[in-house]
């Protein structure tokens, strides 16, 4: 026994319209409406949290650098370095971007610290 269902033309148009409207709503919502998947939201939140940590720790790194022995000599050496990544490595190696919660320097903080120190007058 086969089951077949015949829909009236009006009901069929309504169902196709609802289906098309749902597709359009999803397309517009995800493209322009700011909707996102939970995975994308988690990724965005993690990036914002990482940026907040760097923003909070960079001034501490700068102060650690400025209060270290031979700060003027170190600043001269830092400014003599040509490449940005080497400046970050210099700050990291100096220990100014190492904090009590970790035994290793935070590379993003070291890079941000070096950028700020590079713009600092001697």
PDB file of N, CA and C in Angstrom:
ATOM      1  N   UNK A   1       0.828  -1.157   0.000  1.00  0.00           N
ATOM      2  CA  UNK A   1       0.000   0.000   0.000  1.00  0.00           C
ATOM      3  C   UNK A   1       0.894   1.248   0.000  1.00  0.00           C
ATOM      4  N   UNK A   2       0.760   2.041  -0.993  1.00  0.00           N
ATOM      5  CA  UNK A   2       1.563   3.241  -1.136  1.00  0.00           C
ATOM      6  C   UNK A   2       0.821   4.432  -0.551  1.00  0.00           C
ATOM      7  N   UNK A   3       1.590   5.263   0.096  1.00  0.00           N
ATOM      8  CA  UNK A   3       0.995   6.450   0.705  1.00  0.00           C
ATOM      9  C   UNK A   3       1.397   7.646  -0.146  1.00  0.00           C
ATOM     10  N   UNK A   4       0.476   8.347  -0.627  1.00  0.00           N
ATOM     11  CA  UNK A   4       0.783   9.557  -1.373  1.00  0.00           C
ATOM     12  C   UNK A   4      -0.108  10.677  -0.855  1.00  0.00           C
ATOM     13  N   UNK A   5       0.494  11.828  -0.816  1.00  0.00           N
ATOM     14  CA  UNK A   5      -0.250  12.957  -0.286  1.00  0.00           C
ATOM     15  C   UNK A   5      -0.299  14.033  -1.356  1.00  0.00           C
ATOM     16  N   UNK A   6      -1.428  14.446  -1.683  1.00  0.00           N
ATOM     17  CA  UNK A   6      -1.611  15.509  -2.669  1.00  0.00           C
ATOM     18  C   UNK A   6      -1.917  16.803  -1.927  1.00  0.00           C
ATOM     19  N   UNK A   7      -1.153  17.813  -2.250  1.00  0.00           N
ATOM     20  CA  UNK A   7      -1.379  19.116  -1.636  1.00  0.00           C
ATOM     21  C   UNK A   7      -2.080  20.025  -2.631  1.00  0.00           C
ATOM     22  N   UNK A   8      -2.881  20.871  -2.120  1.00  0.00           N
ATOM     23  CA  UNK A   8      -3.524  21.840  -2.998  1.00  0.00           C
ATOM     24  C   UNK A   8      -2.474  22.841  -3.442  1.00  0.00           C
ATOM     25  N   UNK A   9      -2.634  23.443  -4.595  1.00  0.00           N
ATOM     26  CA  UNK A   9      -1.639  24.397  -5.091  1.00  0.00           C
ATOM     27  C   UNK A   9      -1.349  25.533  -4.107  1.00  0.00           C
ATOM     28  N   UNK A  10      -2.333  26.011  -3.386  1.00  0.00           N
ATOM     29  CA  UNK A  10      -2.102  27.105  -2.431  1.00  0.00           C
ATOM     30  C   UNK A  10      -1.210  26.655  -1.281  1.00  0.00           C
ATOM     31  N   UNK A  11      -1.442  25.473  -0.750  1.00  0.00           N
ATOM     32  CA  UNK A  11      -0.623  24.962   0.356  1.00  0.00           C
ATOM     33  C   UNK A  11       0.804  24.731  -0.120  1.00  0.00           C
ATOM     34  N   UNK A  12       0.944  24.212  -1.326  1.00  0.00           N
ATOM     35  CA  UNK A  12       2.274  23.969  -1.877  1.00  0.00           C
ATOM     36  C   UNK A  12       3.035  25.282  -2.040  1.00  0.00           C
ATOM     37  N   UNK A  13       2.381  26.307  -2.529  1.00  0.00           N
ATOM     38  CA  UNK A  13       3.028  27.622  -2.674  1.00  0.00           C
ATOM     39  C   UNK A  13       3.432  28.185  -1.310  1.00  0.00           C
ATOM     40  N   UNK A  14       2.576  28.013  -0.336  1.00  0.00           N
ATOM     41  CA  UNK A  14       2.881  28.502   1.015  1.00  0.00           C
ATOM     42  C   UNK A  14       4.101  27.782   1.575  1.00  0.00           C
ATOM     43  N   UNK A  15       4.165  26.470   1.409  1.00  0.00           N
ATOM     44  CA  UNK A  15       5.310  25.703   1.915  1.00  0.00           C
ATOM     45  C   UNK A  15       6.604  26.089   1.195  1.00  0.00           C
ATOM     46  N   UNK A  16       6.545  26.232  -0.138  1.00  0.00           N
ATOM     47  CA  UNK A  16       7.734  26.660  -0.870  1.00  0.00           C
ATOM     48  C   UNK A  16       8.138  28.086  -0.476  1.00  0.00           C
ATOM     49  N   UNK A  17       7.189  28.938  -0.248  1.00  0.00           N
ATOM     50  CA  UNK A  17       7.488  30.302   0.199  1.00  0.00           C
ATOM     51  C   UNK A  17       8.133  30.321   1.570  1.00  0.00           C
ATOM     52  N   UNK A  18       7.623  29.475   2.472  1.00  0.00           N
ATOM     53  CA  UNK A  18       8.215  29.392   3.811  1.00  0.00           C
ATOM     54  C   UNK A  18       9.638  28.857   3.737  1.00  0.00           C
ATOM     55  N   UNK A  19       9.848  27.849   2.889  1.00  0.00           N
ATOM     56  CA  UNK A  19      11.187  27.280   2.722  1.00  0.00           C
ATOM     57  C   UNK A  19      12.153  28.328   2.160  1.00  0.00           C
ATOM     58  N   UNK A  20      11.721  29.036   1.110  1.00  0.00           N
ATOM     59  CA  UNK A  20      12.557  30.090   0.527  1.00  0.00           C
ATOM     60  C   UNK A  20      12.816  31.221   1.510  1.00  0.00           C
ATOM     61  N   UNK A  21      11.800  31.587   2.281  1.00  0.00           N
ATOM     62  CA  UNK A  21      11.974  32.637   3.289  1.00  0.00           C
ATOM     63  C   UNK A  21      12.953  32.234   4.376  1.00  0.00           C
ATOM     64  N   UNK A  22      12.890  30.959   4.777  1.00  0.00           N
ATOM     65  CA  UNK A  22      13.825  30.468   5.796  1.00  0.00           C
ATOM     66  C   UNK A  22      15.256  30.505   5.277  1.00  0.00           C
ATOM     67  N   UNK A  23      15.443  30.098   4.015  1.00  0.00           N
ATOM     68  CA  UNK A  23      16.787  30.161   3.421  1.00  0.00           C
ATOM     69  C   UNK A  23      17.281  31.601   3.320  1.00  0.00           C
ATOM     70  N   UNK A  24      16.412  32.496   2.880  1.00  0.00           N
ATOM     71  CA  UNK A  24      16.797  33.908   2.767  1.00  0.00           C
ATOM     72  C   UNK A  24      17.119  34.497   4.139  1.00  0.00           C
ATOM     73  N   UNK A  25      16.304  34.161   5.123  1.00  0.00           N
ATOM     74  CA  UNK A  25      16.534  34.661   6.481  1.00  0.00           C
ATOM     75  C   UNK A  25      17.883  34.183   7.018  1.00  0.00           C
ATOM     76  N   UNK A  26      18.174  32.903   6.820  1.00  0.00           N
ATOM     77  CA  UNK A  26      19.458  32.366   7.290  1.00  0.00           C
ATOM     78  C   UNK A  26      20.618  33.011   6.540  1.00  0.00           C
ATOM     79  N   UNK A  27      20.486  33.151   5.234  1.00  0.00           N
ATOM     80  CA  UNK A  27      21.560  33.764   4.447  1.00  0.00           C
ATOM     81  C   UNK A  27      21.832  35.194   4.858  1.00  0.00           C
ATOM     82  N   UNK A  28      20.782  35.971   5.006  1.00  0.00           N
ATOM     83  CA  UNK A  28      20.945  37.374   5.407  1.00  0.00           C
ATOM     84  C   UNK A  28      21.433  37.466   6.852  1.00  0.00           C
ATOM     85  N   UNK A  29      20.899  36.636   7.714  1.00  0.00           N
ATOM     86  CA  UNK A  29      21.296  36.681   9.126  1.00  0.00           C
ATOM     87  C   UNK A  29      22.763  36.372   9.337  1.00  0.00           C
ATOM     88  N   UNK A  30      23.271  35.324   8.660  1.00  0.00           N
ATOM     89  CA  UNK A  30      24.676  34.959   8.830  1.00  0.00           C
ATOM     90  C   UNK A  30      25.611  35.882   8.055  1.00  0.00           C
ATOM     91  N   UNK A  31      25.126  36.457   6.936  1.00  0.00           N
ATOM     92  CA  UNK A  31      25.983  37.328   6.131  1.00  0.00           C
ATOM     93  C   UNK A  31      26.040  38.752   6.669  1.00  0.00           C
ATOM     94  N   UNK A  32      24.880  39.321   6.965  1.00  0.00           N
ATOM     95  CA  UNK A  32      24.825  40.734   7.329  1.00  0.00           C
ATOM     96  C   UNK A  32      24.267  40.997   8.725  1.00  0.00           C
ATOM     97  N   UNK A  33      23.603  40.022   9.293  1.00  0.00           N
ATOM     98  CA  UNK A  33      22.918  40.236  10.562  1.00  0.00           C
ATOM     99  C   UNK A  33      23.770  40.026  11.797  1.00  0.00           C
ATOM    100  N   UNK A  34      25.001  39.569  11.611  1.00  0.00           N
ATOM    101  CA  UNK A  34      25.872  39.372  12.761  1.00  0.00           C
ATOM    102  C   UNK A  34      25.685  38.038  13.452  1.00  0.00           C
ATOM    103  N   UNK A  35      24.897  37.143  12.858  1.00  0.00           N
ATOM    104  CA  UNK A  35      24.735  35.823  13.453  1.00  0.00           C
ATOM    105  C   UNK A  35      26.025  35.050  13.253  1.00  0.00           C
ATOM    106  N   UNK A  36      26.320  34.145  14.157  1.00  0.00           N
ATOM    107  CA  UNK A  36      27.493  33.288  13.999  1.00  0.00           C
ATOM    108  C   UNK A  36      27.261  31.964  14.705  1.00  0.00           C
ATOM    109  N   UNK A  37      28.056  30.999  14.317  1.00  0.00           N
ATOM    110  CA  UNK A  37      27.961  29.685  14.942  1.00  0.00           C
ATOM    111  C   UNK A  37      28.635  29.737  16.305  1.00  0.00           C
ATOM    112  N   UNK A  38      28.378  28.755  17.126  1.00  0.00           N
ATOM    113  CA  UNK A  38      29.002  28.740  18.457  1.00  0.00           C
ATOM    114  C   UNK A  38      30.515  28.591  18.341  1.00  0.00           C
ATOM    115  N   UNK A  39      30.984  27.853  17.345  1.00  0.00           N
ATOM    116  CA  UNK A  39      32.427  27.712  17.143  1.00  0.00           C
ATOM    117  C   UNK A  39      33.085  29.034  16.807  1.00  0.00           C
ATOM    118  N   UNK A  40      32.452  29.808  15.938  1.00  0.00           N
ATOM    119  CA  UNK A  40      32.979  31.120  15.568  1.00  0.00           C
ATOM    120  C   UNK A  40      32.926  32.077  16.757  1.00  0.00           C
ATOM    121  N   UNK A  41      31.864  32.000  17.545  1.00  0.00           N
ATOM    122  CA  UNK A  41      31.747  32.851  18.734  1.00  0.00           C
ATOM    123  C   UNK A  41      32.831  32.510  19.748  1.00  0.00           C
ATOM    124  N   UNK A  42      33.114  31.227  19.913  1.00  0.00           N
ATOM    125  CA  UNK A  42      34.169  30.803  20.835  1.00  0.00           C
ATOM    126  C   UNK A  42      35.525  31.302  20.360  1.00  0.00           C
ATOM    127  N   UNK A  43      35.773  31.184  19.059  1.00  0.00           N
ATOM    128  CA  UNK A  43      37.035  31.658  18.486  1.00  0.00           C
ATOM    129  C   UNK A  43      37.194  33.166  18.681  1.00  0.00           C
ATOM    130  N   UNK A  44      36.137  33.908  18.429  1.00  0.00           N
ATOM    131  CA  UNK A  44      36.164  35.360  18.598  1.00  0.00           C
ATOM    132  C   UNK A  44      36.391  35.738  20.060  1.00  0.00           C
ATOM    133  N   UNK A  45      35.723  35.053  20.965  1.00  0.00           N
ATOM    134  CA  UNK A  45      35.891  35.329  22.399  1.00  0.00           C
ATOM    135  C   UNK A  45      37.318  35.036  22.843  1.00  0.00           C
ATOM    136  N   UNK A  46      37.911  33.957  22.328  1.00  0.00           N
ATOM    137  CA  UNK A  46      39.288  33.616  22.695  1.00  0.00           C
ATOM    138  C   UNK A  46      40.263  34.675  22.190  1.00  0.00           C
ATOM    139  N   UNK A  47      40.047  35.141  20.953  1.00  0.00           N
ATOM    140  CA  UNK A  47      40.918  36.194  20.418  1.00  0.00           C
ATOM    141  C   UNK A  47      40.808  37.473  21.235  1.00  0.00           C
ATOM    142  N   UNK A  48      39.587  37.826  21.632  1.00  0.00           N
ATOM    143  CA  UNK A  48      39.391  39.032  22.436  1.00  0.00           C
ATOM    144  C   UNK A  48      40.010  38.876  23.822  1.00  0.00           C
ATOM    145  N   UNK A  49      39.909  37.694  24.399  1.00  0.00           N
ATOM    146  CA  UNK A  49      40.513  37.450  25.712  1.00  0.00           C
ATOM    147  C   UNK A  49      42.034  37.532  25.622  1.00  0.00           C
ATOM    148  N   UNK A  50      42.608  36.948  24.568  1.00  0.00           N
ATOM    149  CA  UNK A  50      44.057  37.017  24.379  1.00  0.00           C
ATOM    150  C   UNK A  50      44.518  38.460  24.208  1.00  0.00           C
ATOM    151  N   UNK A  51      43.768  39.231  23.437  1.00  0.00           N
ATOM    152  CA  UNK A  51      44.115  40.640  23.233  1.00  0.00           C
ATOM    153  C   UNK A  51      44.015  41.424  24.538  1.00  0.00           C
ATOM    154  N   UNK A  52      43.034  41.098  25.361  1.00  0.00           N
ATOM    155  CA  UNK A  52      42.877  41.781  26.651  1.00  0.00           C
ATOM    156  C   UNK A  52      44.039  41.457  27.586  1.00  0.00           C
ATOM    157  N   UNK A  53      44.500  40.217  27.568  1.00  0.00           N
ATOM    158  CA  UNK A  53      45.646  39.827  28.403  1.00  0.00           C
ATOM    159  C   UNK A  53      46.891  40.583  27.954  1.00  0.00           C
ATOM    160  N   UNK A  54      47.110  40.654  26.648  1.00  0.00           N
ATOM    161  CA  UNK A  54      48.268  41.387  26.126  1.00  0.00           C
ATOM    162  C   UNK A  54      48.170  42.860  26.503  1.00  0.00           C
ATOM    163  N   UNK A  55      46.987  43.440  26.359  1.00  0.00           N
ATOM    164  CA  UNK A  55      46.799  44.855  26.703  1.00  0.00           C
ATOM    165  C   UNK A  55      47.024  45.113  28.187  1.00  0.00           C
ATOM    166  N   UNK A  56      46.672  44.155  29.030  1.00  0.00           N
ATOM    167  CA  UNK A  56      46.845  44.336  30.476  1.00  0.00           C
ATOM    168  C   UNK A  56      48.296  44.146  30.904  1.00  0.00           C
ATOM    169  N   UNK A  57      49.011  43.230  30.262  1.00  0.00           N
ATOM    170  CA  UNK A  57      50.370  42.907  30.699  1.00  0.00           C
ATOM    171  C   UNK A  57      51.452  43.759  30.035  1.00  0.00           C
ATOM    172  N   UNK A  58      51.154  44.363  28.899  1.00  0.00           N
ATOM    173  CA  UNK A  58      52.167  45.152  28.197  1.00  0.00           C
ATOM    174  C   UNK A  58      52.687  46.326  29.033  1.00  0.00           C
ATOM    175  N   UNK A  59      51.843  47.119  29.702  1.00  0.00           N
ATOM    176  CA  UNK A  59      52.388  48.202  30.531  1.00  0.00           C
ATOM    177  C   UNK A  59      53.293  47.690  31.659  1.00  0.00           C
ATOM    178  N   UNK A  60      52.998  46.514  32.179  1.00  0.00           N
ATOM    179  CA  UNK A  60      53.850  45.929  33.225  1.00  0.00           C
ATOM    180  C   UNK A  60      55.208  45.583  32.633  1.00  0.00           C
ATOM    181  N   UNK A  61      55.208  45.019  31.428  1.00  0.00           N
ATOM    182  CA  UNK A  61      56.458  44.698  30.744  1.00  0.00           C
ATOM    183  C   UNK A  61      57.289  45.962  30.514  1.00  0.00           C
ATOM    184  N   UNK A  62      56.630  47.022  30.074  1.00  0.00           N
ATOM    185  CA  UNK A  62      57.334  48.287  29.824  1.00  0.00           C
ATOM    186  C   UNK A  62      57.959  48.804  31.119  1.00  0.00           C
ATOM    187  N   UNK A  63      57.216  48.751  32.203  1.00  0.00           N
ATOM    188  CA  UNK A  63      57.760  49.202  33.493  1.00  0.00           C
ATOM    189  C   UNK A  63      58.890  48.294  33.972  1.00  0.00           C
ATOM    190  N   UNK A  64      58.759  46.995  33.775  1.00  0.00           N
ATOM    191  CA  UNK A  64      59.849  46.075  34.127  1.00  0.00           C
ATOM    192  C   UNK A  64      61.113  46.440  33.360  1.00  0.00           C
ATOM    193  N   UNK A  65      60.964  46.751  32.087  1.00  0.00           N
ATOM    194  CA  UNK A  65      62.094  47.137  31.248  1.00  0.00           C
ATOM    195  C   UNK A  65      62.718  48.433  31.760  1.00  0.00           C
ATOM    196  N   UNK A  66      61.882  49.418  32.040  1.00  0.00           N
ATOM    197  CA  UNK A  66      62.387  50.732  32.459  1.00  0.00           C
ATOM    198  C   UNK A  66      63.059  50.703  33.827  1.00  0.00           C
ATOM    199  N   UNK A  67      62.645  49.788  34.705  1.00  0.00           N
ATOM    200  CA  UNK A  67      63.228  49.718  36.040  1.00  0.00           C
ATOM    201  C   UNK A  67      64.353  48.695  36.151  1.00  0.00           C
ATOM    202  N   UNK A  68      64.705  48.078  35.056  1.00  0.00           N
ATOM    203  CA  UNK A  68      65.795  47.097  35.074  1.00  0.00           C
ATOM    204  C   UNK A  68      67.137  47.826  35.088  1.00  0.00           C
ATOM    205  N   UNK A  69      68.167  47.088  35.480  1.00  0.00           N
ATOM    206  CA  UNK A  69      69.513  47.655  35.426  1.00  0.00           C
ATOM    207  C   UNK A  69      69.871  47.939  33.972  1.00  0.00           C
ATOM    208  N   UNK A  70      70.602  49.000  33.751  1.00  0.00           N
ATOM    209  CA  UNK A  70      71.056  49.395  32.418  1.00  0.00           C
ATOM    210  C   UNK A  70      69.890  49.570  31.440  1.00  0.00           C
ATOM    211  N   UNK A  71      68.812  50.169  31.904  1.00  0.00           N
ATOM    212  CA  UNK A  71      67.629  50.351  31.057  1.00  0.00           C
ATOM    213  C   UNK A  71      67.948  51.212  29.836  1.00  0.00           C
ATOM    214  N   UNK A  72      68.755  52.253  30.025  1.00  0.00           N
ATOM    215  CA  UNK A  72      69.102  53.119  28.895  1.00  0.00           C
ATOM    216  C   UNK A  72      69.920  52.366  27.855  1.00  0.00           C
ATOM    217  N   UNK A  73      70.877  51.559  28.319  1.00  0.00           N
ATOM    218  CA  UNK A  73      71.686  50.758  27.391  1.00  0.00           C
ATOM    219  C   UNK A  73      70.813  49.741  26.653  1.00  0.00           C
ATOM    220  N   UNK A  74      69.906  49.113  27.389  1.00  0.00           N
ATOM    221  CA  UNK A  74      69.017  48.131  26.759  1.00  0.00           C
ATOM    222  C   UNK A  74      68.092  48.791  25.740  1.00  0.00           C
ATOM    223  N   UNK A  75      67.625  50.000  26.042  1.00  0.00           N
ATOM    224  CA  UNK A  75      66.766  50.711  25.102  1.00  0.00           C
ATOM    225  C   UNK A  75      67.545  51.072  23.839  1.00  0.00           C
ATOM    226  N   UNK A  76      68.799  51.460  24.006  1.00  0.00           N
ATOM    227  CA  UNK A  76      69.645  51.755  22.846  1.00  0.00           C
ATOM    228  C   UNK A  76      69.838  50.504  22.001  1.00  0.00           C
ATOM    229  N   UNK A  77      70.094  49.375  22.655  1.00  0.00           N
ATOM    230  CA  UNK A  77      70.256  48.108  21.928  1.00  0.00           C
ATOM    231  C   UNK A  77      68.960  47.723  21.217  1.00  0.00           C
ATOM    232  N   UNK A  78      67.839  47.913  21.892  1.00  0.00           N
ATOM    233  CA  UNK A  78      66.544  47.570  21.301  1.00  0.00           C
ATOM    234  C   UNK A  78      66.280  48.406  20.056  1.00  0.00           C
ATOM    235  N   UNK A  79      66.564  49.692  20.139  1.00  0.00           N
ATOM    236  CA  UNK A  79      66.310  50.576  19.001  1.00  0.00           C
ATOM    237  C   UNK A  79      67.270  50.312  17.845  1.00  0.00           C
ATOM    238  N   UNK A  80      68.414  49.706  18.136  1.00  0.00           N
ATOM    239  CA  UNK A  80      69.379  49.392  17.079  1.00  0.00           C
ATOM    240  C   UNK A  80      68.978  48.147  16.283  1.00  0.00           C
ATOM    241  N   UNK A  81      68.064  47.370  16.803  1.00  0.00           N
ATOM    242  CA  UNK A  81      67.616  46.157  16.109  1.00  0.00           C
ATOM    243  C   UNK A  81      66.692  46.564  14.963  1.00  0.00           C
ATOM    244  N   UNK A  82      66.908  45.959  13.799  1.00  0.00           N
ATOM    245  CA  UNK A  82      66.165  46.353  12.599  1.00  0.00           C
ATOM    246  C   UNK A  82      64.809  45.680  12.444  1.00  0.00           C
ATOM    247  N   UNK A  83      64.696  44.436  12.845  1.00  0.00           N
ATOM    248  CA  UNK A  83      63.477  43.676  12.570  1.00  0.00           C
ATOM    249  C   UNK A  83      62.595  43.582  13.807  1.00  0.00           C
ATOM    250  N   UNK A  84      61.307  43.738  13.581  1.00  0.00           N
ATOM    251  CA  UNK A  84      60.326  43.752  14.665  1.00  0.00           C
ATOM    252  C   UNK A  84      60.344  42.466  15.483  1.00  0.00           C
ATOM    253  N   UNK A  85      60.408  41.310  14.801  1.00  0.00           N
ATOM    254  CA  UNK A  85      60.389  40.046  15.540  1.00  0.00           C
ATOM    255  C   UNK A  85      61.635  39.883  16.401  1.00  0.00           C
ATOM    256  N   UNK A  86      62.768  40.460  15.963  1.00  0.00           N
ATOM    257  CA  UNK A  86      63.987  40.396  16.771  1.00  0.00           C
ATOM    258  C   UNK A  86      63.872  41.290  18.007  1.00  0.00           C
ATOM    259  N   UNK A  87      63.147  42.397  17.878  1.00  0.00           N
ATOM    260  CA  UNK A  87      62.925  43.270  19.032  1.00  0.00           C
ATOM    261  C   UNK A  87      62.100  42.547  20.087  1.00  0.00           C
ATOM    262  N   UNK A  88      61.050  41.849  19.645  1.00  0.00           N
ATOM    263  CA  UNK A  88      60.242  41.058  20.574  1.00  0.00           C
ATOM    264  C   UNK A  88      61.064  39.971  21.240  1.00  0.00           C
ATOM    265  N   UNK A  89      61.935  39.332  20.473  1.00  0.00           N
ATOM    266  CA  UNK A  89      62.801  38.285  21.028  1.00  0.00           C
ATOM    267  C   UNK A  89      63.783  38.873  22.042  1.00  0.00           C
ATOM    268  N   UNK A  90      64.266  40.096  21.794  1.00  0.00           N
ATOM    269  CA  UNK A  90      65.175  40.762  22.726  1.00  0.00           C
ATOM    270  C   UNK A  90      64.483  41.016  24.062  1.00  0.00           C
ATOM    271  N   UNK A  91      63.247  41.496  24.001  1.00  0.00           N
ATOM    272  CA  UNK A  91      62.484  41.755  25.232  1.00  0.00           C
ATOM    273  C   UNK A  91      62.192  40.443  25.951  1.00  0.00           C
ATOM    274  N   UNK A  92      61.825  39.422  25.203  1.00  0.00           N
ATOM    275  CA  UNK A  92      61.532  38.118  25.810  1.00  0.00           C
ATOM    276  C   UNK A  92      62.777  37.536  26.469  1.00  0.00           C
ATOM    277  N   UNK A  93      63.908  37.629  25.781  1.00  0.00           N
ATOM    278  CA  UNK A  93      65.167  37.089  26.316  1.00  0.00           C
ATOM    279  C   UNK A  93      65.600  37.842  27.570  1.00  0.00           C
ATOM    280  N   UNK A  94      65.294  39.131  27.624  1.00  0.00           N
ATOM    281  CA  UNK A  94      65.648  39.930  28.798  1.00  0.00           C
ATOM    282  C   UNK A  94      64.810  39.600  30.027  1.00  0.00           C
ATOM    283  N   UNK A  95      63.720  38.869  29.829  1.00  0.00           N
ATOM    284  CA  UNK A  95      62.885  38.460  30.957  1.00  0.00           C
ATOM    285  C   UNK A  95      61.824  39.465  31.358  1.00  0.00           C
ATOM    286  N   UNK A  96      61.701  40.551  30.618  1.00  0.00           N
ATOM    287  CA  UNK A  96      60.745  41.589  31.001  1.00  0.00           C
ATOM    288  C   UNK A  96      59.304  41.190  30.689  1.00  0.00           C
ATOM    289  N   UNK A  97      59.125  40.201  29.815  1.00  0.00           N
ATOM    290  CA  UNK A  97      57.783  39.732  29.459  1.00  0.00           C
ATOM    291  C   UNK A  97      57.465  38.393  30.119  1.00  0.00           C
ATOM    292  N   UNK A  98      58.231  38.039  31.142  1.00  0.00           N
ATOM    293  CA  UNK A  98      57.971  36.812  31.902  1.00  0.00           C
ATOM    294  C   UNK A  98      57.289  37.210  33.201  1.00  0.00           C
ATOM    295  N   UNK A  99      56.182  36.549  33.496  1.00  0.00           N
ATOM    296  CA  UNK A  99      55.375  36.898  34.659  1.00  0.00           C
ATOM    297  C   UNK A  99      55.298  35.707  35.608  1.00  0.00           C
ATOM    298  N   UNK A 100      54.945  35.944  36.867  1.00  0.00           N
ATOM    299  CA  UNK A 100      54.962  34.871  37.869  1.00  0.00           C
ATOM    300  C   UNK A 100      54.110  33.647  37.528  1.00  0.00           C
ATOM    301  N   UNK A 101      53.083  33.809  36.708  1.00  0.00           N
ATOM    302  CA  UNK A 101      52.221  32.663  36.403  1.00  0.00           C
ATOM    303  C   UNK A 101      52.823  31.712  35.372  1.00  0.00           C
ATOM    304  N   UNK A 102      53.912  32.131  34.723  1.00  0.00           N
ATOM    305  CA  UNK A 102      54.551  31.289  33.706  1.00  0.00           C
ATOM    306  C   UNK A 102      56.060  31.350  33.866  1.00  0.00           C
ATOM    307  N   UNK A 103      56.709  30.290  33.427  1.00  0.00           N
ATOM    308  CA  UNK A 103      58.171  30.266  33.465  1.00  0.00           C
ATOM    309  C   UNK A 103      58.774  30.776  32.168  1.00  0.00           C
ATOM    310  N   UNK A 104      57.949  30.933  31.168  1.00  0.00           N
ATOM    311  CA  UNK A 104      58.413  31.393  29.868  1.00  0.00           C
ATOM    312  C   UNK A 104      57.816  32.761  29.567  1.00  0.00           C
ATOM    313  N   UNK A 105      58.527  33.556  28.771  1.00  0.00           N
ATOM    314  CA  UNK A 105      57.964  34.862  28.415  1.00  0.00           C
ATOM    315  C   UNK A 105      56.762  34.709  27.492  1.00  0.00           C
ATOM    316  N   UNK A 106      55.868  35.655  27.570  1.00  0.00           N
ATOM    317  CA  UNK A 106      54.704  35.682  26.672  1.00  0.00           C
ATOM    318  C   UNK A 106      55.129  36.438  25.416  1.00  0.00           C
ATOM    319  N   UNK A 107      55.168  35.738  24.300  1.00  0.00           N
ATOM    320  CA  UNK A 107      55.703  36.334  23.077  1.00  0.00           C
ATOM    321  C   UNK A 107      54.869  37.516  22.580  1.00  0.00           C
ATOM    322  N   UNK A 108      53.553  37.427  22.680  1.00  0.00           N
ATOM    323  CA  UNK A 108      52.709  38.539  22.221  1.00  0.00           C
ATOM    324  C   UNK A 108      52.926  39.777  23.087  1.00  0.00           C
ATOM    325  N   UNK A 109      53.111  39.569  24.379  1.00  0.00           N
ATOM    326  CA  UNK A 109      53.377  40.690  25.288  1.00  0.00           C
ATOM    327  C   UNK A 109      54.753  41.277  24.986  1.00  0.00           C
ATOM    328  N   UNK A 110      55.737  40.414  24.747  1.00  0.00           N
ATOM    329  CA  UNK A 110      57.084  40.881  24.428  1.00  0.00           C
ATOM    330  C   UNK A 110      57.072  41.723  23.156  1.00  0.00           C
ATOM    331  N   UNK A 111      56.310  41.276  22.162  1.00  0.00           N
ATOM    332  CA  UNK A 111      56.233  42.019  20.904  1.00  0.00           C
ATOM    333  C   UNK A 111      55.561  43.375  21.104  1.00  0.00           C
ATOM    334  N   UNK A 112      54.459  43.402  21.829  1.00  0.00           N
ATOM    335  CA  UNK A 112      53.762  44.665  22.095  1.00  0.00           C
ATOM    336  C   UNK A 112      54.633  45.596  22.935  1.00  0.00           C
ATOM    337  N   UNK A 113      55.333  45.034  23.892  1.00  0.00           N
ATOM    338  CA  UNK A 113      56.235  45.809  24.749  1.00  0.00           C
ATOM    339  C   UNK A 113      57.355  46.426  23.909  1.00  0.00           C
ATOM    340  N   UNK A 114      57.936  45.624  23.023  1.00  0.00           N
ATOM    341  CA  UNK A 114      59.006  46.123  22.156  1.00  0.00           C
ATOM    342  C   UNK A 114      58.498  47.231  21.241  1.00  0.00           C
ATOM    343  N   UNK A 115      57.273  47.091  20.753  1.00  0.00           N
ATOM    344  CA  UNK A 115      56.698  48.135  19.896  1.00  0.00           C
ATOM    345  C   UNK A 115      56.561  49.453  20.652  1.00  0.00           C
ATOM    346  N   UNK A 116      56.089  49.386  21.885  1.00  0.00           N
ATOM    347  CA  UNK A 116      55.940  50.605  22.692  1.00  0.00           C
ATOM    348  C   UNK A 116      57.305  51.192  23.030  1.00  0.00           C
ATOM    349  N   UNK A 117      58.233  50.344  23.442  1.00  0.00           N
ATOM    350  CA  UNK A 117      59.565  50.831  23.794  1.00  0.00           C
ATOM    351  C   UNK A 117      60.283  51.411  22.581  1.00  0.00           C
ATOM    352  N   UNK A 118      60.012  50.866  21.404  1.00  0.00           N
ATOM    353  CA  UNK A 118      60.625  51.385  20.182  1.00  0.00           C
ATOM    354  C   UNK A 118      60.184  52.802  19.862  1.00  0.00           C
ATOM    355  N   UNK A 119      59.005  53.183  20.338  1.00  0.00           N
ATOM    356  CA  UNK A 119      58.501  54.548  20.114  1.00  0.00           C
ATOM    357  C   UNK A 119      58.850  55.488  21.268  1.00  0.00           C
ATOM    358  N   UNK A 120      59.502  54.950  22.297  1.00  0.00           N
ATOM    359  CA  UNK A 120      59.839  55.735  23.483  1.00  0.00           C
ATOM    360  C   UNK A 120      61.111  56.535  23.235  1.00  0.00           C
ATOM    361  N   UNK A 121      61.109  57.776  23.683  1.00  0.00           N
ATOM    362  CA  UNK A 121      62.311  58.600  23.579  1.00  0.00           C
ATOM    363  C   UNK A 121      63.317  58.158  24.625  1.00  0.00           C
ATOM    364  N   UNK A 122      64.573  58.264  24.266  1.00  0.00           N
ATOM    365  CA  UNK A 122      65.635  57.854  25.197  1.00  0.00           C
ATOM    366  C   UNK A 122      65.888  58.897  26.244  1.00  0.00           C
TER     367      UNK A 122
END
